[in-house]
Amino acid sequence: MLVIAHRGFHASVPENTMAGFEAAITLGVNGIETDVRISHDGQPVLVHDRVIASGHAVADLTRDEIEQVLGHKVPTLDEALECFPGILWNIEIKTTQSLDLVIGVLKRYQVGHRILITSFRHDVVSVCAASLQMECGLLVAHRPQTLDSLLANCEGSPRIDHIVWDYNVLDELLLKQATADGFRNFVYGPVTQSEHQHCRDVGIDGVITDHPLLAQIFS
């Protein structure tokens, strides 16, 4: 089971920062998950929240303004990928805003990087699968009625080969069906040691976690 640090390892440093990414790599994780949004000055910044502490949306602030509010440097997608090429990157695309800009950045790293693109916007995943030579995955926060209903709009997209499930909606039957259909199953959101062990027990391929040390106990 791959251990992927959710927004880096941020036990003592801010999330989605170069320091957090470096801390995760030092722990020996297999990968890092991060979030990309577009700032008002058109930069692909790595920020999770749509609206930050000032009450302003990331899309309405420049990168400098975001950094002033957060109190730390905010890396861009380019900077993170360039600085840490030897790790699996799970890039979550948060919005359709300037999707072509994000795809343009990712195209520069198709060779020599291991990148998995995911989004709750499955239409975004489909566009990325058609535009990039990278693996893509569907983020899922609900239990679908059937696996076919989840995949209905993704037929004919061989690059969409991952399903990333919320831990709360794990269903062993759907996991087995997805595996049989050739998908890799990732999970985000386990918290306790027993939840990380449960992911391993049911055959999860990768866990996206804020607690990578708990996941590594069983490695």
N, C-alpha and C. Protein backbone atom coordinates (compact mmCIF):
# COMPACT_ATOMS: atom_id res chain seq x y z
N MET A 1 0.85 -1.20 0.00
CA MET A 1 0.00 0.00 0.00
C MET A 1 0.87 1.24 0.00
N LEU A 2 0.67 2.11 -0.99
CA LEU A 2 1.44 3.34 -1.05
C LEU A 2 0.97 4.31 0.03
N VAL A 3 1.91 5.02 0.62
CA VAL A 3 1.60 6.03 1.63
C VAL A 3 1.84 7.41 1.00
N ILE A 4 0.76 8.18 0.91
CA ILE A 4 0.81 9.49 0.25
C ILE A 4 0.46 10.55 1.28
N ALA A 5 1.39 11.47 1.51
CA ALA A 5 1.21 12.49 2.53
C ALA A 5 0.25 13.57 2.03
N HIS A 6 -0.85 13.73 2.74
CA HIS A 6 -1.89 14.68 2.37
C HIS A 6 -1.42 16.12 2.61
N ARG A 7 -1.20 16.85 1.54
CA ARG A 7 -0.68 18.23 1.59
C ARG A 7 0.70 18.29 2.22
N GLY A 8 1.50 17.24 2.04
CA GLY A 8 2.80 17.14 2.68
C GLY A 8 2.66 16.65 4.11
N PHE A 9 3.75 16.72 4.86
CA PHE A 9 3.71 16.36 6.28
C PHE A 9 3.73 17.67 7.06
N HIS A 10 2.60 17.99 7.68
CA HIS A 10 2.45 19.33 8.26
C HIS A 10 2.20 19.29 9.76
N ALA A 11 2.89 18.36 10.44
CA ALA A 11 2.76 18.29 11.90
C ALA A 11 3.34 19.53 12.57
N SER A 12 4.40 20.09 11.99
CA SER A 12 5.05 21.25 12.61
C SER A 12 5.31 22.39 11.65
N VAL A 13 4.89 22.24 10.39
CA VAL A 13 5.04 23.30 9.39
C VAL A 13 3.72 23.43 8.65
N PRO A 14 3.46 24.56 7.98
CA PRO A 14 2.19 24.72 7.27
C PRO A 14 2.02 23.70 6.14
N GLU A 15 0.76 23.34 5.88
CA GLU A 15 0.45 22.41 4.80
C GLU A 15 0.70 23.05 3.44
N ASN A 16 0.89 22.21 2.44
CA ASN A 16 1.08 22.67 1.06
C ASN A 16 2.20 23.71 0.95
N THR A 17 3.31 23.42 1.63
CA THR A 17 4.48 24.28 1.54
C THR A 17 5.68 23.43 1.15
N MET A 18 6.72 24.08 0.69
CA MET A 18 7.93 23.35 0.33
C MET A 18 8.50 22.64 1.55
N ALA A 19 8.40 23.29 2.72
CA ALA A 19 8.89 22.65 3.95
C ALA A 19 8.07 21.41 4.28
N GLY A 20 6.76 21.48 4.07
CA GLY A 20 5.91 20.33 4.32
C GLY A 20 6.19 19.19 3.36
N PHE A 21 6.45 19.52 2.10
CA PHE A 21 6.78 18.49 1.11
C PHE A 21 8.11 17.83 1.46
N GLU A 22 9.09 18.66 1.82
CA GLU A 22 10.40 18.12 2.18
C GLU A 22 10.31 17.23 3.41
N ALA A 23 9.50 17.64 4.39
CA ALA A 23 9.33 16.84 5.60
C ALA A 23 8.72 15.48 5.27
N ALA A 24 7.77 15.46 4.35
CA ALA A 24 7.15 14.19 3.94
C ALA A 24 8.17 13.28 3.28
N ILE A 25 8.96 13.84 2.41
CA ILE A 25 9.97 13.05 1.70
C ILE A 25 10.99 12.49 2.69
N THR A 26 11.36 13.30 3.68
CA THR A 26 12.29 12.84 4.71
C THR A 26 11.74 11.65 5.48
N LEU A 27 10.42 11.62 5.68
CA LEU A 27 9.78 10.48 6.36
C LEU A 27 9.84 9.21 5.53
N GLY A 28 10.02 9.36 4.23
CA GLY A 28 10.08 8.19 3.36
C GLY A 28 8.76 7.79 2.75
N VAL A 29 7.81 8.74 2.64
CA VAL A 29 6.53 8.42 2.02
C VAL A 29 6.72 8.11 0.54
N ASN A 30 5.73 7.47 -0.04
CA ASN A 30 5.79 7.15 -1.47
C ASN A 30 5.35 8.31 -2.35
N GLY A 31 4.52 9.20 -1.79
CA GLY A 31 4.00 10.29 -2.61
C GLY A 31 3.47 11.42 -1.77
N ILE A 32 3.10 12.49 -2.47
CA ILE A 32 2.56 13.69 -1.84
C ILE A 32 1.30 14.10 -2.60
N GLU A 33 0.24 14.40 -1.86
CA GLU A 33 -0.98 14.97 -2.44
C GLU A 33 -0.96 16.47 -2.21
N THR A 34 -1.35 17.23 -3.23
CA THR A 34 -1.45 18.68 -3.07
C THR A 34 -2.58 19.20 -3.94
N ASP A 35 -2.95 20.47 -3.70
CA ASP A 35 -4.13 21.06 -4.33
C ASP A 35 -3.72 22.28 -5.15
N VAL A 36 -4.25 22.40 -6.35
CA VAL A 36 -3.89 23.56 -7.18
C VAL A 36 -5.12 24.42 -7.47
N ARG A 37 -4.94 25.72 -7.25
CA ARG A 37 -5.93 26.74 -7.59
C ARG A 37 -5.22 27.84 -8.37
N ILE A 38 -5.99 28.72 -8.97
CA ILE A 38 -5.41 29.82 -9.74
C ILE A 38 -5.64 31.13 -8.99
N SER A 39 -4.54 31.83 -8.74
CA SER A 39 -4.63 33.13 -8.07
C SER A 39 -5.11 34.20 -9.04
N HIS A 40 -5.40 35.37 -8.51
CA HIS A 40 -5.93 36.47 -9.34
C HIS A 40 -4.92 36.91 -10.39
N ASP A 41 -3.63 36.73 -10.11
CA ASP A 41 -2.60 37.10 -11.09
C ASP A 41 -2.18 35.90 -11.95
N GLY A 42 -3.04 34.89 -12.00
CA GLY A 42 -2.86 33.80 -12.96
C GLY A 42 -1.77 32.81 -12.63
N GLN A 43 -1.51 32.58 -11.35
CA GLN A 43 -0.48 31.61 -10.97
C GLN A 43 -1.13 30.37 -10.37
N PRO A 44 -0.64 29.18 -10.75
CA PRO A 44 -1.18 27.93 -10.22
C PRO A 44 -0.63 27.66 -8.83
N VAL A 45 -1.28 28.22 -7.82
CA VAL A 45 -0.79 28.14 -6.45
C VAL A 45 -1.32 26.89 -5.75
N LEU A 46 -0.52 26.40 -4.82
CA LEU A 46 -0.89 25.18 -4.09
C LEU A 46 -1.57 25.58 -2.78
N VAL A 47 -2.88 25.70 -2.85
CA VAL A 47 -3.71 26.11 -1.72
C VAL A 47 -4.96 25.24 -1.71
N HIS A 48 -5.31 24.73 -0.54
CA HIS A 48 -6.47 23.86 -0.45
C HIS A 48 -7.79 24.62 -0.42
N ASP A 49 -7.91 25.59 0.46
CA ASP A 49 -9.20 26.24 0.71
C ASP A 49 -9.57 27.22 -0.40
N ARG A 50 -10.82 27.22 -0.77
CA ARG A 50 -11.33 28.18 -1.76
C ARG A 50 -11.31 29.59 -1.20
N VAL A 51 -11.69 29.71 0.08
CA VAL A 51 -11.69 31.00 0.78
C VAL A 51 -10.74 30.88 1.97
N ILE A 52 -9.80 31.82 2.08
CA ILE A 52 -8.81 31.73 3.15
C ILE A 52 -9.19 32.62 4.33
N ALA A 53 -8.31 32.71 5.32
CA ALA A 53 -8.65 33.29 6.62
C ALA A 53 -9.14 34.73 6.56
N SER A 54 -8.74 35.48 5.55
CA SER A 54 -9.16 36.88 5.43
C SER A 54 -10.61 37.01 4.97
N GLY A 55 -11.20 35.88 4.55
CA GLY A 55 -12.54 35.91 3.99
C GLY A 55 -12.57 36.13 2.49
N HIS A 56 -11.41 36.17 1.87
CA HIS A 56 -11.30 36.37 0.42
C HIS A 56 -11.07 35.03 -0.28
N ALA A 57 -11.61 34.93 -1.46
CA ALA A 57 -11.36 33.74 -2.27
C ALA A 57 -9.95 33.81 -2.86
N VAL A 58 -9.32 32.66 -2.98
CA VAL A 58 -7.99 32.60 -3.59
C VAL A 58 -8.02 33.23 -4.98
N ALA A 59 -9.09 32.99 -5.72
CA ALA A 59 -9.19 33.51 -7.09
C ALA A 59 -9.24 35.03 -7.14
N ASP A 60 -9.53 35.67 -6.00
CA ASP A 60 -9.63 37.14 -5.97
C ASP A 60 -8.37 37.81 -5.43
N LEU A 61 -7.36 37.01 -5.09
CA LEU A 61 -6.13 37.54 -4.50
C LEU A 61 -4.93 37.16 -5.36
N THR A 62 -3.93 38.04 -5.38
CA THR A 62 -2.67 37.69 -6.03
C THR A 62 -1.90 36.72 -5.14
N ARG A 63 -0.87 36.13 -5.72
CA ARG A 63 -0.04 35.21 -4.92
C ARG A 63 0.56 35.94 -3.72
N ASP A 64 1.06 37.16 -3.92
CA ASP A 64 1.64 37.92 -2.81
C ASP A 64 0.61 38.17 -1.71
N GLU A 65 -0.62 38.49 -2.11
CA GLU A 65 -1.67 38.75 -1.14
C GLU A 65 -2.04 37.48 -0.36
N ILE A 66 -2.07 36.35 -1.05
CA ILE A 66 -2.34 35.08 -0.38
C ILE A 66 -1.27 34.78 0.66
N GLU A 67 -0.02 35.02 0.28
CA GLU A 67 1.09 34.77 1.20
C GLU A 67 1.01 35.68 2.42
N GLN A 68 0.59 36.92 2.22
CA GLN A 68 0.45 37.85 3.35
C GLN A 68 -0.61 37.35 4.33
N VAL A 69 -1.70 36.82 3.81
CA VAL A 69 -2.77 36.32 4.68
C VAL A 69 -2.34 35.04 5.40
N LEU A 70 -1.74 34.12 4.68
CA LEU A 70 -1.37 32.83 5.26
C LEU A 70 -0.13 32.92 6.14
N GLY A 71 0.70 33.91 5.88
CA GLY A 71 1.89 34.09 6.71
C GLY A 71 3.05 33.21 6.33
N HIS A 72 3.03 32.68 5.12
CA HIS A 72 4.15 31.87 4.65
C HIS A 72 4.17 31.87 3.13
N LYS A 73 5.29 31.43 2.57
CA LYS A 73 5.42 31.33 1.13
C LYS A 73 4.46 30.28 0.59
N VAL A 74 3.85 30.60 -0.53
CA VAL A 74 2.93 29.67 -1.19
C VAL A 74 3.57 29.22 -2.50
N PRO A 75 3.91 27.93 -2.62
CA PRO A 75 4.55 27.47 -3.86
C PRO A 75 3.56 27.38 -5.01
N THR A 76 4.10 27.45 -6.20
CA THR A 76 3.30 27.17 -7.39
C THR A 76 3.49 25.71 -7.77
N LEU A 77 2.61 25.24 -8.62
CA LEU A 77 2.71 23.87 -9.10
C LEU A 77 4.05 23.62 -9.77
N ASP A 78 4.50 24.58 -10.58
CA ASP A 78 5.79 24.44 -11.27
C ASP A 78 6.93 24.25 -10.27
N GLU A 79 6.94 25.10 -9.25
CA GLU A 79 8.04 25.07 -8.29
C GLU A 79 8.12 23.74 -7.55
N ALA A 80 6.97 23.23 -7.12
CA ALA A 80 6.97 21.97 -6.38
C ALA A 80 7.44 20.81 -7.26
N LEU A 81 6.91 20.73 -8.47
CA LEU A 81 7.29 19.63 -9.35
C LEU A 81 8.75 19.70 -9.74
N GLU A 82 9.25 20.90 -9.94
CA GLU A 82 10.66 21.05 -10.32
C GLU A 82 11.58 20.71 -9.16
N CYS A 83 11.19 21.07 -7.95
CA CYS A 83 12.06 20.89 -6.79
C CYS A 83 12.10 19.44 -6.31
N PHE A 84 10.99 18.72 -6.48
CA PHE A 84 10.91 17.35 -5.95
C PHE A 84 10.48 16.38 -7.05
N PRO A 85 11.38 16.07 -7.98
CA PRO A 85 11.00 15.24 -9.12
C PRO A 85 10.91 13.75 -8.81
N GLY A 86 11.47 13.30 -7.70
CA GLY A 86 11.59 11.87 -7.47
C GLY A 86 10.48 11.25 -6.66
N ILE A 87 9.37 11.95 -6.52
CA ILE A 87 8.26 11.48 -5.69
C ILE A 87 7.01 11.35 -6.55
N LEU A 88 6.10 10.46 -6.16
CA LEU A 88 4.79 10.41 -6.81
C LEU A 88 3.98 11.63 -6.37
N TRP A 89 3.49 12.39 -7.32
CA TRP A 89 2.67 13.56 -7.03
C TRP A 89 1.22 13.26 -7.38
N ASN A 90 0.33 13.44 -6.39
CA ASN A 90 -1.10 13.40 -6.64
C ASN A 90 -1.59 14.85 -6.65
N ILE A 91 -1.89 15.34 -7.84
CA ILE A 91 -2.32 16.73 -8.01
C ILE A 91 -3.84 16.77 -8.08
N GLU A 92 -4.45 17.39 -7.06
CA GLU A 92 -5.90 17.56 -7.09
C GLU A 92 -6.23 18.92 -7.69
N ILE A 93 -6.98 18.92 -8.77
CA ILE A 93 -7.41 20.16 -9.43
C ILE A 93 -8.75 20.54 -8.83
N LYS A 94 -8.79 21.72 -8.24
CA LYS A 94 -9.95 22.13 -7.46
C LYS A 94 -11.05 22.77 -8.30
N THR A 95 -10.73 23.32 -9.44
CA THR A 95 -11.70 24.13 -10.17
C THR A 95 -11.45 24.05 -11.67
N THR A 96 -12.45 24.41 -12.44
CA THR A 96 -12.27 24.48 -13.90
C THR A 96 -11.59 25.78 -14.32
N GLN A 97 -11.42 26.72 -13.39
CA GLN A 97 -10.82 28.00 -13.72
C GLN A 97 -9.42 27.81 -14.31
N SER A 98 -9.20 28.37 -15.48
CA SER A 98 -7.88 28.33 -16.14
C SER A 98 -7.32 26.91 -16.21
N LEU A 99 -8.18 25.96 -16.52
CA LEU A 99 -7.73 24.57 -16.61
C LEU A 99 -6.65 24.41 -17.67
N ASP A 100 -6.75 25.18 -18.74
CA ASP A 100 -5.74 25.09 -19.79
C ASP A 100 -4.37 25.51 -19.27
N LEU A 101 -4.34 26.46 -18.33
CA LEU A 101 -3.07 26.88 -17.74
C LEU A 101 -2.45 25.75 -16.94
N VAL A 102 -3.27 25.09 -16.13
CA VAL A 102 -2.77 23.97 -15.32
C VAL A 102 -2.29 22.84 -16.21
N ILE A 103 -3.06 22.52 -17.23
CA ILE A 103 -2.65 21.47 -18.16
C ILE A 103 -1.34 21.83 -18.84
N GLY A 104 -1.18 23.11 -19.19
CA GLY A 104 0.07 23.55 -19.80
C GLY A 104 1.27 23.32 -18.91
N VAL A 105 1.10 23.59 -17.61
CA VAL A 105 2.19 23.32 -16.66
C VAL A 105 2.47 21.83 -16.59
N LEU A 106 1.43 21.04 -16.45
CA LEU A 106 1.61 19.59 -16.30
C LEU A 106 2.27 18.97 -17.52
N LYS A 107 1.98 19.48 -18.69
CA LYS A 107 2.59 18.93 -19.91
C LYS A 107 4.11 19.00 -19.87
N ARG A 108 4.63 20.01 -19.19
CA ARG A 108 6.08 20.16 -19.12
C ARG A 108 6.73 19.10 -18.24
N TYR A 109 5.91 18.39 -17.47
CA TYR A 109 6.46 17.40 -16.54
C TYR A 109 5.98 15.98 -16.85
N GLN A 110 5.50 15.77 -18.06
CA GLN A 110 5.00 14.44 -18.43
C GLN A 110 6.11 13.41 -18.49
N VAL A 111 7.30 13.88 -18.81
CA VAL A 111 8.45 12.98 -18.89
C VAL A 111 9.30 13.17 -17.64
N GLY A 112 9.61 12.08 -16.98
CA GLY A 112 10.50 12.15 -15.83
C GLY A 112 9.82 12.37 -14.50
N HIS A 113 8.49 12.50 -14.49
CA HIS A 113 7.75 12.65 -13.25
C HIS A 113 6.64 11.61 -13.17
N ARG A 114 6.32 11.20 -11.95
CA ARG A 114 5.18 10.31 -11.71
C ARG A 114 4.06 11.18 -11.14
N ILE A 115 3.00 11.36 -11.92
CA ILE A 115 1.93 12.28 -11.54
C ILE A 115 0.58 11.59 -11.71
N LEU A 116 -0.25 11.72 -10.71
CA LEU A 116 -1.64 11.26 -10.76
C LEU A 116 -2.53 12.49 -10.61
N ILE A 117 -3.39 12.73 -11.59
CA ILE A 117 -4.31 13.86 -11.56
C ILE A 117 -5.65 13.40 -11.02
N THR A 118 -6.20 14.12 -10.03
CA THR A 118 -7.51 13.78 -9.51
C THR A 118 -8.36 15.03 -9.33
N SER A 119 -9.67 14.82 -9.26
CA SER A 119 -10.59 15.93 -9.01
C SER A 119 -11.95 15.36 -8.63
N PHE A 120 -12.69 16.14 -7.81
CA PHE A 120 -14.11 15.84 -7.59
C PHE A 120 -14.92 16.24 -8.81
N ARG A 121 -14.37 17.09 -9.66
CA ARG A 121 -15.00 17.46 -10.93
C ARG A 121 -14.60 16.41 -11.95
N HIS A 122 -15.46 15.44 -12.18
CA HIS A 122 -15.10 14.35 -13.06
C HIS A 122 -15.01 14.79 -14.52
N ASP A 123 -15.65 15.90 -14.84
CA ASP A 123 -15.48 16.46 -16.18
C ASP A 123 -14.06 16.98 -16.37
N VAL A 124 -13.48 17.53 -15.31
CA VAL A 124 -12.09 17.97 -15.35
C VAL A 124 -11.16 16.77 -15.54
N VAL A 125 -11.45 15.68 -14.84
CA VAL A 125 -10.64 14.48 -14.99
C VAL A 125 -10.66 13.99 -16.44
N SER A 126 -11.82 14.02 -17.05
CA SER A 126 -11.95 13.57 -18.44
C SER A 126 -11.13 14.45 -19.39
N VAL A 127 -11.16 15.76 -19.17
CA VAL A 127 -10.37 16.67 -20.00
C VAL A 127 -8.88 16.38 -19.83
N CYS A 128 -8.45 16.20 -18.59
CA CYS A 128 -7.04 15.92 -18.34
C CYS A 128 -6.61 14.60 -18.96
N ALA A 129 -7.49 13.59 -18.87
CA ALA A 129 -7.17 12.28 -19.45
C ALA A 129 -6.99 12.37 -20.96
N ALA A 130 -7.74 13.26 -21.60
CA ALA A 130 -7.65 13.43 -23.05
C ALA A 130 -6.47 14.30 -23.46
N SER A 131 -5.96 15.10 -22.52
CA SER A 131 -4.95 16.11 -22.86
C SER A 131 -3.55 15.75 -22.41
N LEU A 132 -3.43 14.84 -21.44
CA LEU A 132 -2.15 14.57 -20.81
C LEU A 132 -1.80 13.08 -20.86
N GLN A 133 -0.53 12.79 -20.87
CA GLN A 133 -0.06 11.41 -20.80
C GLN A 133 0.25 11.09 -19.34
N MET A 134 -0.79 11.15 -18.53
CA MET A 134 -0.65 10.90 -17.10
C MET A 134 -1.84 10.09 -16.62
N GLU A 135 -1.63 9.37 -15.52
CA GLU A 135 -2.74 8.65 -14.91
C GLU A 135 -3.70 9.65 -14.26
N CYS A 136 -4.97 9.31 -14.30
CA CYS A 136 -6.00 10.19 -13.75
C CYS A 136 -6.95 9.38 -12.86
N GLY A 137 -7.55 10.08 -11.90
CA GLY A 137 -8.44 9.38 -10.98
C GLY A 137 -9.64 10.21 -10.58
N LEU A 138 -10.72 9.52 -10.26
CA LEU A 138 -11.95 10.15 -9.83
C LEU A 138 -11.99 10.23 -8.31
N LEU A 139 -12.11 11.42 -7.77
CA LEU A 139 -12.34 11.56 -6.33
C LEU A 139 -13.81 11.34 -6.04
N VAL A 140 -14.09 10.52 -5.02
CA VAL A 140 -15.47 10.12 -4.74
C VAL A 140 -15.77 10.35 -3.25
N ALA A 141 -16.76 11.18 -2.98
CA ALA A 141 -17.14 11.49 -1.60
C ALA A 141 -18.45 10.82 -1.20
N HIS A 142 -19.04 10.06 -2.11
CA HIS A 142 -20.30 9.39 -1.80
C HIS A 142 -20.21 7.94 -2.29
N ARG A 143 -21.08 7.09 -1.77
CA ARG A 143 -21.13 5.73 -2.27
C ARG A 143 -22.09 5.69 -3.44
N PRO A 144 -21.60 5.44 -4.65
CA PRO A 144 -22.50 5.39 -5.80
C PRO A 144 -23.44 4.19 -5.71
N GLN A 145 -24.58 4.30 -6.37
CA GLN A 145 -25.52 3.17 -6.39
C GLN A 145 -24.86 1.94 -6.99
N THR A 146 -24.12 2.16 -8.09
CA THR A 146 -23.38 1.08 -8.74
C THR A 146 -22.08 1.65 -9.25
N LEU A 147 -21.11 0.79 -9.50
CA LEU A 147 -19.86 1.24 -10.07
C LEU A 147 -20.08 1.79 -11.48
N ASP A 148 -20.98 1.17 -12.22
CA ASP A 148 -21.26 1.64 -13.58
C ASP A 148 -21.79 3.07 -13.58
N SER A 149 -22.61 3.41 -12.58
CA SER A 149 -23.14 4.77 -12.53
C SER A 149 -22.04 5.78 -12.27
N LEU A 150 -21.04 5.40 -11.48
CA LEU A 150 -19.91 6.29 -11.22
C LEU A 150 -19.07 6.50 -12.47
N LEU A 151 -18.93 5.46 -13.26
CA LEU A 151 -18.03 5.50 -14.42
C LEU A 151 -18.74 5.84 -15.73
N ALA A 152 -20.01 6.18 -15.66
CA ALA A 152 -20.82 6.34 -16.87
C ALA A 152 -20.23 7.32 -17.87
N ASN A 153 -19.63 8.39 -17.38
CA ASN A 153 -19.11 9.42 -18.30
C ASN A 153 -17.62 9.28 -18.57
N CYS A 154 -17.05 8.17 -18.14
CA CYS A 154 -15.60 7.99 -18.29
C CYS A 154 -15.24 6.84 -19.22
N GLU A 155 -16.22 6.27 -19.86
CA GLU A 155 -15.95 5.15 -20.76
C GLU A 155 -15.08 5.61 -21.92
N GLY A 156 -14.14 4.77 -22.30
CA GLY A 156 -13.26 5.11 -23.40
C GLY A 156 -12.10 5.99 -23.00
N SER A 157 -11.86 6.16 -21.70
CA SER A 157 -10.74 6.96 -21.22
C SER A 157 -9.79 6.06 -20.44
N PRO A 158 -8.88 5.38 -21.13
CA PRO A 158 -8.01 4.41 -20.45
C PRO A 158 -7.09 5.05 -19.42
N ARG A 159 -6.84 6.35 -19.54
CA ARG A 159 -5.97 7.00 -18.55
C ARG A 159 -6.68 7.23 -17.22
N ILE A 160 -7.99 7.15 -17.20
CA ILE A 160 -8.72 7.23 -15.93
C ILE A 160 -8.70 5.83 -15.33
N ASP A 161 -7.71 5.58 -14.50
CA ASP A 161 -7.48 4.22 -14.00
C ASP A 161 -7.39 4.15 -12.48
N HIS A 162 -7.76 5.25 -11.79
CA HIS A 162 -7.78 5.27 -10.33
C HIS A 162 -9.14 5.76 -9.84
N ILE A 163 -9.58 5.20 -8.72
CA ILE A 163 -10.72 5.75 -7.98
C ILE A 163 -10.22 6.06 -6.57
N VAL A 164 -10.46 7.29 -6.14
CA VAL A 164 -9.98 7.74 -4.84
C VAL A 164 -11.19 7.95 -3.94
N TRP A 165 -11.39 7.04 -3.00
CA TRP A 165 -12.58 6.99 -2.17
C TRP A 165 -12.38 7.73 -0.86
N ASP A 166 -13.43 8.41 -0.39
CA ASP A 166 -13.48 8.90 0.98
C ASP A 166 -13.54 7.67 1.90
N TYR A 167 -12.73 7.68 2.95
CA TYR A 167 -12.72 6.53 3.86
C TYR A 167 -14.13 6.22 4.39
N ASN A 168 -14.93 7.26 4.57
CA ASN A 168 -16.27 7.07 5.14
C ASN A 168 -17.20 6.24 4.26
N VAL A 169 -16.91 6.14 2.97
CA VAL A 169 -17.83 5.44 2.08
C VAL A 169 -17.22 4.16 1.50
N LEU A 170 -16.16 3.67 2.11
CA LEU A 170 -15.55 2.44 1.61
C LEU A 170 -16.56 1.30 1.59
N ASP A 171 -16.59 0.59 0.49
CA ASP A 171 -17.51 -0.53 0.32
C ASP A 171 -16.72 -1.65 -0.35
N GLU A 172 -16.57 -2.77 0.35
CA GLU A 172 -15.70 -3.83 -0.14
C GLU A 172 -16.19 -4.41 -1.47
N LEU A 173 -17.50 -4.47 -1.67
CA LEU A 173 -18.02 -4.99 -2.93
C LEU A 173 -17.59 -4.09 -4.10
N LEU A 174 -17.75 -2.77 -3.92
CA LEU A 174 -17.35 -1.84 -4.98
C LEU A 174 -15.85 -1.87 -5.20
N LEU A 175 -15.09 -2.01 -4.11
CA LEU A 175 -13.63 -2.11 -4.25
C LEU A 175 -13.25 -3.32 -5.10
N LYS A 176 -13.88 -4.44 -4.84
CA LYS A 176 -13.57 -5.66 -5.59
C LYS A 176 -13.97 -5.49 -7.06
N GLN A 177 -15.12 -4.87 -7.30
CA GLN A 177 -15.55 -4.66 -8.68
C GLN A 177 -14.58 -3.73 -9.41
N ALA A 178 -14.17 -2.66 -8.73
CA ALA A 178 -13.25 -1.71 -9.36
C ALA A 178 -11.92 -2.38 -9.67
N THR A 179 -11.42 -3.17 -8.75
CA THR A 179 -10.16 -3.88 -8.97
C THR A 179 -10.29 -4.84 -10.15
N ALA A 180 -11.39 -5.56 -10.20
CA ALA A 180 -11.62 -6.51 -11.30
C ALA A 180 -11.70 -5.80 -12.64
N ASP A 181 -12.16 -4.56 -12.63
CA ASP A 181 -12.26 -3.78 -13.87
C ASP A 181 -10.96 -3.06 -14.22
N GLY A 182 -9.91 -3.29 -13.42
CA GLY A 182 -8.60 -2.73 -13.75
C GLY A 182 -8.26 -1.41 -13.08
N PHE A 183 -9.09 -0.96 -12.16
CA PHE A 183 -8.82 0.30 -11.46
C PHE A 183 -7.95 0.05 -10.23
N ARG A 184 -7.15 1.05 -9.90
CA ARG A 184 -6.44 1.07 -8.63
C ARG A 184 -7.29 1.87 -7.65
N ASN A 185 -7.41 1.39 -6.43
CA ASN A 185 -8.23 2.03 -5.41
C ASN A 185 -7.35 2.75 -4.39
N PHE A 186 -7.54 4.05 -4.28
CA PHE A 186 -6.90 4.85 -3.25
C PHE A 186 -7.98 5.32 -2.28
N VAL A 187 -7.55 5.68 -1.08
CA VAL A 187 -8.47 6.17 -0.06
C VAL A 187 -7.88 7.42 0.58
N TYR A 188 -8.73 8.41 0.85
CA TYR A 188 -8.29 9.57 1.61
C TYR A 188 -9.09 9.67 2.91
N GLY A 189 -8.44 10.16 3.95
CA GLY A 189 -9.16 10.47 5.17
C GLY A 189 -9.07 9.52 6.34
N PRO A 190 -8.31 8.41 6.30
CA PRO A 190 -8.19 7.61 7.52
C PRO A 190 -7.45 8.40 8.60
N VAL A 191 -7.83 8.19 9.84
CA VAL A 191 -7.25 8.99 10.93
C VAL A 191 -6.52 8.12 11.95
N THR A 192 -7.17 7.05 12.39
CA THR A 192 -6.60 6.24 13.47
C THR A 192 -5.70 5.13 12.91
N GLN A 193 -4.93 4.53 13.81
CA GLN A 193 -4.09 3.41 13.42
C GLN A 193 -4.92 2.27 12.86
N SER A 194 -6.07 1.99 13.50
CA SER A 194 -6.91 0.89 13.04
C SER A 194 -7.52 1.18 11.67
N GLU A 195 -7.82 2.44 11.38
CA GLU A 195 -8.36 2.79 10.06
C GLU A 195 -7.31 2.59 8.97
N HIS A 196 -6.07 2.93 9.28
CA HIS A 196 -5.00 2.69 8.30
C HIS A 196 -4.81 1.19 8.08
N GLN A 197 -4.89 0.42 9.15
CA GLN A 197 -4.77 -1.03 9.01
C GLN A 197 -5.94 -1.60 8.21
N HIS A 198 -7.13 -1.05 8.43
CA HIS A 198 -8.31 -1.49 7.68
C HIS A 198 -8.09 -1.29 6.18
N CYS A 199 -7.53 -0.14 5.81
CA CYS A 199 -7.25 0.12 4.39
C CYS A 199 -6.34 -0.96 3.82
N ARG A 200 -5.33 -1.33 4.58
CA ARG A 200 -4.43 -2.38 4.11
C ARG A 200 -5.15 -3.73 4.02
N ASP A 201 -5.98 -4.01 5.00
CA ASP A 201 -6.66 -5.31 5.06
C ASP A 201 -7.60 -5.51 3.88
N VAL A 202 -8.24 -4.43 3.40
CA VAL A 202 -9.19 -4.58 2.29
C VAL A 202 -8.52 -4.41 0.92
N GLY A 203 -7.21 -4.28 0.91
CA GLY A 203 -6.48 -4.28 -0.35
C GLY A 203 -6.37 -2.93 -1.04
N ILE A 204 -6.46 -1.85 -0.27
CA ILE A 204 -6.30 -0.52 -0.86
C ILE A 204 -4.90 -0.36 -1.43
N ASP A 205 -4.80 0.23 -2.61
CA ASP A 205 -3.50 0.39 -3.28
C ASP A 205 -2.70 1.58 -2.75
N GLY A 206 -3.41 2.61 -2.27
CA GLY A 206 -2.71 3.78 -1.77
C GLY A 206 -3.59 4.55 -0.80
N VAL A 207 -2.98 5.06 0.26
CA VAL A 207 -3.72 5.82 1.26
C VAL A 207 -3.19 7.25 1.30
N ILE A 208 -4.10 8.22 1.20
CA ILE A 208 -3.76 9.63 1.25
C ILE A 208 -4.09 10.11 2.66
N THR A 209 -3.06 10.44 3.43
CA THR A 209 -3.25 10.57 4.86
C THR A 209 -2.53 11.77 5.45
N ASP A 210 -3.17 12.36 6.48
CA ASP A 210 -2.53 13.39 7.29
C ASP A 210 -1.62 12.77 8.34
N HIS A 211 -1.65 11.45 8.44
CA HIS A 211 -0.92 10.73 9.49
C HIS A 211 -0.05 9.63 8.88
N PRO A 212 0.93 10.01 8.06
CA PRO A 212 1.72 8.99 7.36
C PRO A 212 2.47 8.06 8.28
N LEU A 213 2.82 8.53 9.47
CA LEU A 213 3.54 7.64 10.40
C LEU A 213 2.68 6.45 10.81
N LEU A 214 1.37 6.67 10.96
CA LEU A 214 0.47 5.57 11.30
C LEU A 214 0.40 4.55 10.17
N ALA A 215 0.39 5.04 8.95
CA ALA A 215 0.34 4.12 7.79
C ALA A 215 1.64 3.35 7.65
N GLN A 216 2.76 3.99 7.99
CA GLN A 216 4.06 3.34 7.81
C GLN A 216 4.33 2.28 8.86
N ILE A 217 3.59 2.30 9.96
CA ILE A 217 3.77 1.28 11.00
C ILE A 217 3.63 -0.11 10.42
N PHE A 218 2.75 -0.22 9.39
CA PHE A 218 2.43 -1.54 8.86
C PHE A 218 3.20 -1.85 7.58
N SER A 219 4.10 -0.95 7.18
CA SER A 219 4.81 -1.16 5.91
C SER A 219 5.80 -2.31 6.03
